[in-house]
Amino acid sequence: MDPVFVPMVSALLGGLVAGSALVFSQWWNIRAQNRRELIRLAFDAAREDRSHHMAVAKEKKRGVIMPLASYVHFNLGLMTLASRGRFTKNDVRQLLIDNDEFTRHMIATSSEVEEERLLRDSNIEGES
């Protein structure tokens, strides 16, 4: 290669690398922003769903209200399915199964943590 072309080829390659890095970082930022917006929308929808369920349970004087995280988990899953453009009855069924499992694990873990806290608090009071 002629020595005159080395700086030009280097400049061209450097420009391509810098340009691709810029395109990648823009794509990454847009993707992250879309994900944050999806989570925000899921959280807003979850609060509305939970408020509605609480109103119905209060009116009927019965019902089970799941933790807010369960509503968020479900709405985020549903919005993710919807963002794909198409989903089936089985997709929604699987989402409901996954959400039930998530809720059970969350409640069980919450109960364990509460029991540990109560035990720790009772030990602290016993030592005083």
N, C-alpha and C. Protein backbone atom coordinates (compact mmCIF):
# COMPACT_ATOMS: atom_id res chain seq x y z
N MET A 1 0.84 -1.17 0.00
CA MET A 1 0.00 0.00 0.00
C MET A 1 0.89 1.24 0.00
N ASP A 2 0.49 2.20 -0.75
CA ASP A 2 1.23 3.46 -0.86
C ASP A 2 1.15 4.18 0.50
N PRO A 3 2.29 4.68 1.01
CA PRO A 3 2.31 5.34 2.32
C PRO A 3 1.35 6.54 2.40
N VAL A 4 0.97 7.12 1.28
CA VAL A 4 0.07 8.26 1.29
C VAL A 4 -1.34 7.84 1.73
N PHE A 5 -1.71 6.59 1.43
CA PHE A 5 -3.06 6.11 1.74
C PHE A 5 -3.21 5.66 3.20
N VAL A 6 -2.13 5.38 3.89
CA VAL A 6 -2.20 4.89 5.28
C VAL A 6 -2.96 5.87 6.18
N PRO A 7 -2.62 7.17 6.18
CA PRO A 7 -3.39 8.08 7.05
C PRO A 7 -4.86 8.19 6.64
N MET A 8 -5.14 8.13 5.33
CA MET A 8 -6.52 8.23 4.89
C MET A 8 -7.32 7.00 5.31
N VAL A 9 -6.72 5.82 5.16
CA VAL A 9 -7.39 4.58 5.56
C VAL A 9 -7.59 4.57 7.07
N SER A 10 -6.58 5.02 7.82
CA SER A 10 -6.69 5.09 9.28
C SER A 10 -7.80 6.04 9.70
N ALA A 11 -7.87 7.19 9.06
CA ALA A 11 -8.92 8.17 9.37
C ALA A 11 -10.29 7.60 9.04
N LEU A 12 -10.40 6.90 7.91
CA LEU A 12 -11.67 6.30 7.53
C LEU A 12 -12.10 5.24 8.53
N LEU A 13 -11.16 4.37 8.90
CA LEU A 13 -11.48 3.33 9.89
C LEU A 13 -11.83 3.95 11.24
N GLY A 14 -11.10 4.96 11.65
CA GLY A 14 -11.41 5.64 12.92
C GLY A 14 -12.79 6.27 12.89
N GLY A 15 -13.16 6.86 11.77
CA GLY A 15 -14.49 7.45 11.62
C GLY A 15 -15.58 6.40 11.68
N LEU A 16 -15.32 5.24 11.04
CA LEU A 16 -16.30 4.16 11.08
C LEU A 16 -16.49 3.62 12.49
N VAL A 17 -15.39 3.45 13.22
CA VAL A 17 -15.48 2.96 14.60
C VAL A 17 -16.23 3.97 15.47
N ALA A 18 -15.88 5.25 15.37
CA ALA A 18 -16.55 6.27 16.17
C ALA A 18 -18.02 6.38 15.79
N GLY A 19 -18.31 6.31 14.51
CA GLY A 19 -19.71 6.38 14.05
C GLY A 19 -20.52 5.21 14.55
N SER A 20 -19.94 3.99 14.49
CA SER A 20 -20.68 2.83 14.98
C SER A 20 -20.89 2.90 16.48
N ALA A 21 -19.91 3.42 17.21
CA ALA A 21 -20.07 3.56 18.66
C ALA A 21 -21.19 4.55 18.97
N LEU A 22 -21.28 5.61 18.21
CA LEU A 22 -22.34 6.59 18.41
C LEU A 22 -23.71 5.98 18.12
N VAL A 23 -23.81 5.26 17.03
CA VAL A 23 -25.09 4.61 16.68
C VAL A 23 -25.48 3.61 17.76
N PHE A 24 -24.52 2.80 18.21
CA PHE A 24 -24.80 1.81 19.26
C PHE A 24 -25.24 2.49 20.55
N SER A 25 -24.56 3.56 20.96
CA SER A 25 -24.93 4.22 22.22
C SER A 25 -26.31 4.86 22.11
N GLN A 26 -26.65 5.41 20.96
CA GLN A 26 -27.98 5.98 20.76
C GLN A 26 -29.04 4.88 20.84
N TRP A 27 -28.78 3.77 20.17
CA TRP A 27 -29.71 2.65 20.21
C TRP A 27 -29.89 2.17 21.65
N TRP A 28 -28.80 2.04 22.38
CA TRP A 28 -28.85 1.56 23.77
C TRP A 28 -29.66 2.53 24.64
N ASN A 29 -29.44 3.83 24.48
CA ASN A 29 -30.16 4.82 25.27
C ASN A 29 -31.66 4.81 24.96
N ILE A 30 -32.00 4.69 23.70
CA ILE A 30 -33.42 4.64 23.32
C ILE A 30 -34.07 3.38 23.88
N ARG A 31 -33.37 2.28 23.81
CA ARG A 31 -33.88 1.02 24.36
C ARG A 31 -34.12 1.14 25.85
N ALA A 32 -33.16 1.71 26.58
CA ALA A 32 -33.30 1.89 28.02
C ALA A 32 -34.44 2.85 28.35
N GLN A 33 -34.58 3.91 27.58
CA GLN A 33 -35.66 4.86 27.80
C GLN A 33 -37.02 4.20 27.56
N ASN A 34 -37.13 3.41 26.52
CA ASN A 34 -38.38 2.69 26.25
C ASN A 34 -38.71 1.73 27.37
N ARG A 35 -37.70 1.05 27.90
CA ARG A 35 -37.91 0.11 29.01
C ARG A 35 -38.39 0.86 30.26
N ARG A 36 -37.77 2.01 30.56
CA ARG A 36 -38.20 2.80 31.71
C ARG A 36 -39.65 3.25 31.54
N GLU A 37 -40.01 3.67 30.34
CA GLU A 37 -41.37 4.12 30.07
C GLU A 37 -42.36 2.96 30.21
N LEU A 38 -41.97 1.78 29.73
CA LEU A 38 -42.83 0.60 29.86
C LEU A 38 -43.05 0.27 31.34
N ILE A 39 -42.00 0.35 32.14
CA ILE A 39 -42.12 0.06 33.58
C ILE A 39 -43.02 1.11 34.24
N ARG A 40 -42.86 2.37 33.88
CA ARG A 40 -43.69 3.42 34.45
C ARG A 40 -45.17 3.19 34.10
N LEU A 41 -45.44 2.85 32.85
CA LEU A 41 -46.82 2.57 32.44
C LEU A 41 -47.38 1.36 33.17
N ALA A 42 -46.56 0.33 33.33
CA ALA A 42 -47.01 -0.88 34.05
C ALA A 42 -47.32 -0.54 35.50
N PHE A 43 -46.48 0.29 36.11
CA PHE A 43 -46.72 0.68 37.50
C PHE A 43 -48.00 1.49 37.63
N ASP A 44 -48.22 2.43 36.72
CA ASP A 44 -49.44 3.23 36.75
C ASP A 44 -50.68 2.35 36.56
N ALA A 45 -50.62 1.43 35.62
CA ALA A 45 -51.74 0.52 35.38
C ALA A 45 -51.96 -0.38 36.59
N ALA A 46 -50.88 -0.81 37.23
CA ALA A 46 -50.98 -1.68 38.40
C ALA A 46 -51.67 -0.94 39.56
N ARG A 47 -51.31 0.31 39.76
CA ARG A 47 -51.97 1.09 40.82
C ARG A 47 -53.46 1.23 40.54
N GLU A 48 -53.81 1.47 39.28
CA GLU A 48 -55.23 1.58 38.92
C GLU A 48 -55.96 0.25 39.14
N ASP A 49 -55.35 -0.86 38.70
CA ASP A 49 -55.96 -2.18 38.88
C ASP A 49 -56.17 -2.47 40.36
N ARG A 50 -55.17 -2.21 41.16
CA ARG A 50 -55.25 -2.50 42.60
C ARG A 50 -56.32 -1.63 43.26
N SER A 51 -56.37 -0.36 42.89
CA SER A 51 -57.40 0.54 43.44
C SER A 51 -58.80 0.04 43.08
N HIS A 52 -58.95 -0.40 41.83
CA HIS A 52 -60.24 -0.94 41.40
C HIS A 52 -60.60 -2.19 42.20
N HIS A 53 -59.65 -3.11 42.36
CA HIS A 53 -59.92 -4.33 43.12
C HIS A 53 -60.23 -4.02 44.58
N MET A 54 -59.54 -3.02 45.15
CA MET A 54 -59.82 -2.63 46.53
C MET A 54 -61.24 -2.07 46.66
N ALA A 55 -61.66 -1.27 45.69
CA ALA A 55 -63.00 -0.70 45.72
C ALA A 55 -64.06 -1.79 45.62
N VAL A 56 -63.83 -2.76 44.73
CA VAL A 56 -64.78 -3.86 44.56
C VAL A 56 -64.83 -4.70 45.84
N ALA A 57 -63.66 -5.00 46.42
CA ALA A 57 -63.62 -5.79 47.65
C ALA A 57 -64.30 -5.06 48.80
N LYS A 58 -64.12 -3.76 48.87
CA LYS A 58 -64.76 -2.96 49.93
C LYS A 58 -66.28 -2.96 49.74
N GLU A 59 -66.71 -2.82 48.50
CA GLU A 59 -68.14 -2.79 48.21
C GLU A 59 -68.80 -4.13 48.54
N LYS A 60 -68.13 -5.21 48.17
CA LYS A 60 -68.69 -6.55 48.41
C LYS A 60 -68.37 -7.07 49.81
N LYS A 61 -67.51 -6.35 50.51
CA LYS A 61 -67.07 -6.71 51.87
C LYS A 61 -66.38 -8.08 51.90
N ARG A 62 -65.70 -8.39 50.81
CA ARG A 62 -64.89 -9.61 50.75
C ARG A 62 -63.95 -9.50 49.55
N GLY A 63 -62.95 -10.33 49.55
CA GLY A 63 -62.02 -10.35 48.43
C GLY A 63 -60.58 -10.36 48.92
N VAL A 64 -59.71 -10.75 48.04
CA VAL A 64 -58.28 -10.81 48.35
C VAL A 64 -57.59 -9.76 47.49
N ILE A 65 -56.81 -8.92 48.14
CA ILE A 65 -56.04 -7.91 47.42
C ILE A 65 -54.58 -8.33 47.44
N MET A 66 -54.03 -8.52 46.27
CA MET A 66 -52.63 -8.93 46.15
C MET A 66 -51.73 -7.74 46.40
N PRO A 67 -50.47 -8.01 46.73
CA PRO A 67 -49.51 -6.90 46.88
C PRO A 67 -49.35 -6.15 45.55
N LEU A 68 -49.01 -4.88 45.66
CA LEU A 68 -48.86 -4.04 44.47
C LEU A 68 -47.84 -4.65 43.49
N ALA A 69 -46.79 -5.26 44.01
CA ALA A 69 -45.77 -5.85 43.14
C ALA A 69 -46.35 -6.92 42.22
N SER A 70 -47.37 -7.62 42.66
CA SER A 70 -48.01 -8.63 41.81
C SER A 70 -48.73 -7.98 40.63
N TYR A 71 -49.38 -6.87 40.91
CA TYR A 71 -50.05 -6.14 39.83
C TYR A 71 -49.03 -5.57 38.84
N VAL A 72 -47.92 -5.06 39.37
CA VAL A 72 -46.87 -4.52 38.50
C VAL A 72 -46.30 -5.65 37.64
N HIS A 73 -46.00 -6.79 38.27
CA HIS A 73 -45.45 -7.93 37.54
C HIS A 73 -46.36 -8.35 36.40
N PHE A 74 -47.66 -8.44 36.70
CA PHE A 74 -48.62 -8.86 35.67
C PHE A 74 -48.71 -7.83 34.55
N ASN A 75 -48.87 -6.55 34.91
CA ASN A 75 -49.02 -5.51 33.89
C ASN A 75 -47.77 -5.35 33.04
N LEU A 76 -46.60 -5.49 33.65
CA LEU A 76 -45.36 -5.41 32.88
C LEU A 76 -45.28 -6.58 31.90
N GLY A 77 -45.65 -7.76 32.35
CA GLY A 77 -45.67 -8.92 31.45
C GLY A 77 -46.66 -8.75 30.32
N LEU A 78 -47.84 -8.22 30.64
CA LEU A 78 -48.86 -8.02 29.62
C LEU A 78 -48.42 -6.97 28.60
N MET A 79 -47.82 -5.89 29.08
CA MET A 79 -47.36 -4.84 28.17
C MET A 79 -46.19 -5.33 27.31
N THR A 80 -45.35 -6.18 27.89
CA THR A 80 -44.25 -6.75 27.11
C THR A 80 -44.80 -7.63 26.00
N LEU A 81 -45.81 -8.44 26.33
CA LEU A 81 -46.45 -9.26 25.29
C LEU A 81 -47.08 -8.37 24.22
N ALA A 82 -47.76 -7.33 24.64
CA ALA A 82 -48.43 -6.44 23.69
C ALA A 82 -47.42 -5.72 22.81
N SER A 83 -46.26 -5.40 23.36
CA SER A 83 -45.25 -4.67 22.57
C SER A 83 -44.67 -5.54 21.45
N ARG A 84 -44.82 -6.84 21.57
CA ARG A 84 -44.36 -7.73 20.50
C ARG A 84 -45.28 -7.65 19.29
N GLY A 85 -46.48 -7.12 19.52
CA GLY A 85 -47.41 -6.94 18.40
C GLY A 85 -48.48 -8.00 18.31
N ARG A 86 -48.22 -9.16 18.86
CA ARG A 86 -49.20 -10.23 18.76
C ARG A 86 -48.93 -11.23 19.89
N PHE A 87 -50.00 -11.68 20.54
CA PHE A 87 -49.85 -12.72 21.54
C PHE A 87 -51.10 -13.58 21.56
N THR A 88 -50.95 -14.77 22.12
CA THR A 88 -52.03 -15.74 22.08
C THR A 88 -52.66 -15.92 23.46
N LYS A 89 -53.73 -16.66 23.48
CA LYS A 89 -54.40 -16.99 24.74
C LYS A 89 -53.44 -17.76 25.65
N ASN A 90 -52.63 -18.62 25.06
CA ASN A 90 -51.66 -19.39 25.86
C ASN A 90 -50.58 -18.49 26.47
N ASP A 91 -50.20 -17.44 25.76
CA ASP A 91 -49.24 -16.48 26.31
C ASP A 91 -49.81 -15.81 27.57
N VAL A 92 -51.07 -15.42 27.51
CA VAL A 92 -51.71 -14.77 28.66
C VAL A 92 -51.89 -15.79 29.79
N ARG A 93 -52.26 -17.01 29.42
CA ARG A 93 -52.41 -18.07 30.43
C ARG A 93 -51.09 -18.29 31.15
N GLN A 94 -49.99 -18.37 30.42
CA GLN A 94 -48.68 -18.57 31.02
C GLN A 94 -48.30 -17.38 31.90
N LEU A 95 -48.64 -16.19 31.45
CA LEU A 95 -48.38 -14.99 32.25
C LEU A 95 -49.13 -15.07 33.58
N LEU A 96 -50.38 -15.49 33.56
CA LEU A 96 -51.16 -15.64 34.79
C LEU A 96 -50.54 -16.68 35.72
N ILE A 97 -50.08 -17.78 35.16
CA ILE A 97 -49.43 -18.83 35.96
C ILE A 97 -48.14 -18.28 36.58
N ASP A 98 -47.33 -17.60 35.77
CA ASP A 98 -46.09 -17.01 36.27
C ASP A 98 -46.36 -15.97 37.35
N ASN A 99 -47.41 -15.19 37.16
CA ASN A 99 -47.73 -14.15 38.14
C ASN A 99 -48.20 -14.77 39.46
N ASP A 100 -48.99 -15.84 39.39
CA ASP A 100 -49.40 -16.54 40.61
C ASP A 100 -48.20 -17.08 41.37
N GLU A 101 -47.26 -17.67 40.63
CA GLU A 101 -46.04 -18.20 41.26
C GLU A 101 -45.22 -17.07 41.88
N PHE A 102 -45.09 -15.96 41.15
CA PHE A 102 -44.37 -14.79 41.66
C PHE A 102 -45.01 -14.31 42.96
N THR A 103 -46.34 -14.22 42.98
CA THR A 103 -47.06 -13.73 44.15
C THR A 103 -46.87 -14.68 45.33
N ARG A 104 -46.98 -15.98 45.09
CA ARG A 104 -46.78 -16.96 46.18
C ARG A 104 -45.39 -16.84 46.78
N HIS A 105 -44.36 -16.75 45.93
CA HIS A 105 -42.99 -16.63 46.42
C HIS A 105 -42.79 -15.32 47.18
N MET A 106 -43.38 -14.26 46.67
CA MET A 106 -43.23 -12.96 47.32
C MET A 106 -43.89 -12.97 48.69
N ILE A 107 -45.09 -13.51 48.80
CA ILE A 107 -45.79 -13.56 50.08
C ILE A 107 -45.05 -14.47 51.06
N ALA A 108 -44.57 -15.63 50.59
CA ALA A 108 -43.83 -16.54 51.46
C ALA A 108 -42.56 -15.87 51.97
N THR A 109 -41.83 -15.22 51.09
CA THR A 109 -40.60 -14.53 51.49
C THR A 109 -40.90 -13.41 52.46
N SER A 110 -41.96 -12.67 52.19
CA SER A 110 -42.35 -11.57 53.07
C SER A 110 -42.70 -12.10 54.46
N SER A 111 -43.41 -13.22 54.52
CA SER A 111 -43.76 -13.82 55.80
C SER A 111 -42.52 -14.27 56.56
N GLU A 112 -41.57 -14.89 55.85
CA GLU A 112 -40.32 -15.33 56.49
C GLU A 112 -39.55 -14.15 57.05
N VAL A 113 -39.46 -13.09 56.27
CA VAL A 113 -38.73 -11.90 56.73
C VAL A 113 -39.42 -11.29 57.95
N GLU A 114 -40.74 -11.26 57.94
CA GLU A 114 -41.49 -10.71 59.07
C GLU A 114 -41.27 -11.56 60.32
N GLU A 115 -41.29 -12.89 60.16
CA GLU A 115 -41.04 -13.77 61.31
C GLU A 115 -39.64 -13.55 61.86
N GLU A 116 -38.65 -13.43 60.97
CA GLU A 116 -37.27 -13.18 61.42
C GLU A 116 -37.17 -11.84 62.15
N ARG A 117 -37.87 -10.84 61.65
CA ARG A 117 -37.85 -9.52 62.30
C ARG A 117 -38.47 -9.59 63.69
N LEU A 118 -39.61 -10.28 63.79
CA LEU A 118 -40.27 -10.42 65.10
C LEU A 118 -39.40 -11.18 66.09
N LEU A 119 -38.75 -12.23 65.61
CA LEU A 119 -37.86 -13.02 66.46
C LEU A 119 -36.68 -12.17 66.90
N ARG A 120 -36.10 -11.43 65.99
CA ARG A 120 -34.96 -10.56 66.31
C ARG A 120 -35.38 -9.49 67.32
N ASP A 121 -36.56 -8.89 67.09
CA ASP A 121 -37.06 -7.85 68.01
C ASP A 121 -37.33 -8.43 69.40
N SER A 122 -37.88 -9.65 69.45
CA SER A 122 -38.17 -10.25 70.76
C SER A 122 -36.86 -10.60 71.49
N ASN A 123 -35.82 -10.99 70.76
CA ASN A 123 -34.54 -11.27 71.37
C ASN A 123 -33.89 -10.00 71.91
N ILE A 124 -34.05 -8.91 71.20
CA ILE A 124 -33.49 -7.63 71.65
C ILE A 124 -34.19 -7.18 72.92
N GLU A 125 -35.53 -7.32 72.97
CA GLU A 125 -36.28 -6.93 74.16
C GLU A 125 -35.94 -7.83 75.34
N GLY A 126 -35.69 -9.11 75.11
CA GLY A 126 -35.32 -10.06 76.17
C GLY A 126 -33.97 -9.77 76.77
N GLU A 127 -33.07 -9.21 75.97
CA GLU A 127 -31.72 -8.89 76.45
C GLU A 127 -31.71 -7.62 77.28
N SER A 128 -32.70 -6.77 77.13
CA SER A 128 -32.71 -5.48 77.85
C SER A 128 -33.03 -5.63 79.30
